[in-house]
């Protein structure tokens, strides 16, 4: 029995947008790097200005990256990041699915 799954097509994220928090180093940076290399536009976020700007500079050598300096431990910080992203990109078809997920799970959803 053969399996004809096209892995590259199955996991293709070209043209998608991602937000990676804590992306100035460690696992967050590695996740952002993987997403950028896979073709996504990636927003990276951290509280540490110099660190996130340096990470963005490195990642921009690979693909589309935007950086945001913010503290996501408060609703104010979360709202600020959501506002920046919302103003910079059109809504995608996946936005409603995310809102529905958070309504079902009772999570805090900030309108991106």
Foldseek 3Di string as FASTA:
>chain_A
DDDPDDVLVVPQPAPAEEEFEPCLDDPSVVVQLVCFQSHYQYEYEEQDVVSQVVSQVVSVVRGHYHYDHFDPPDPVRVQVVLVVVPVPDPDDPCQVVVVVVCVVVVHDDDRD
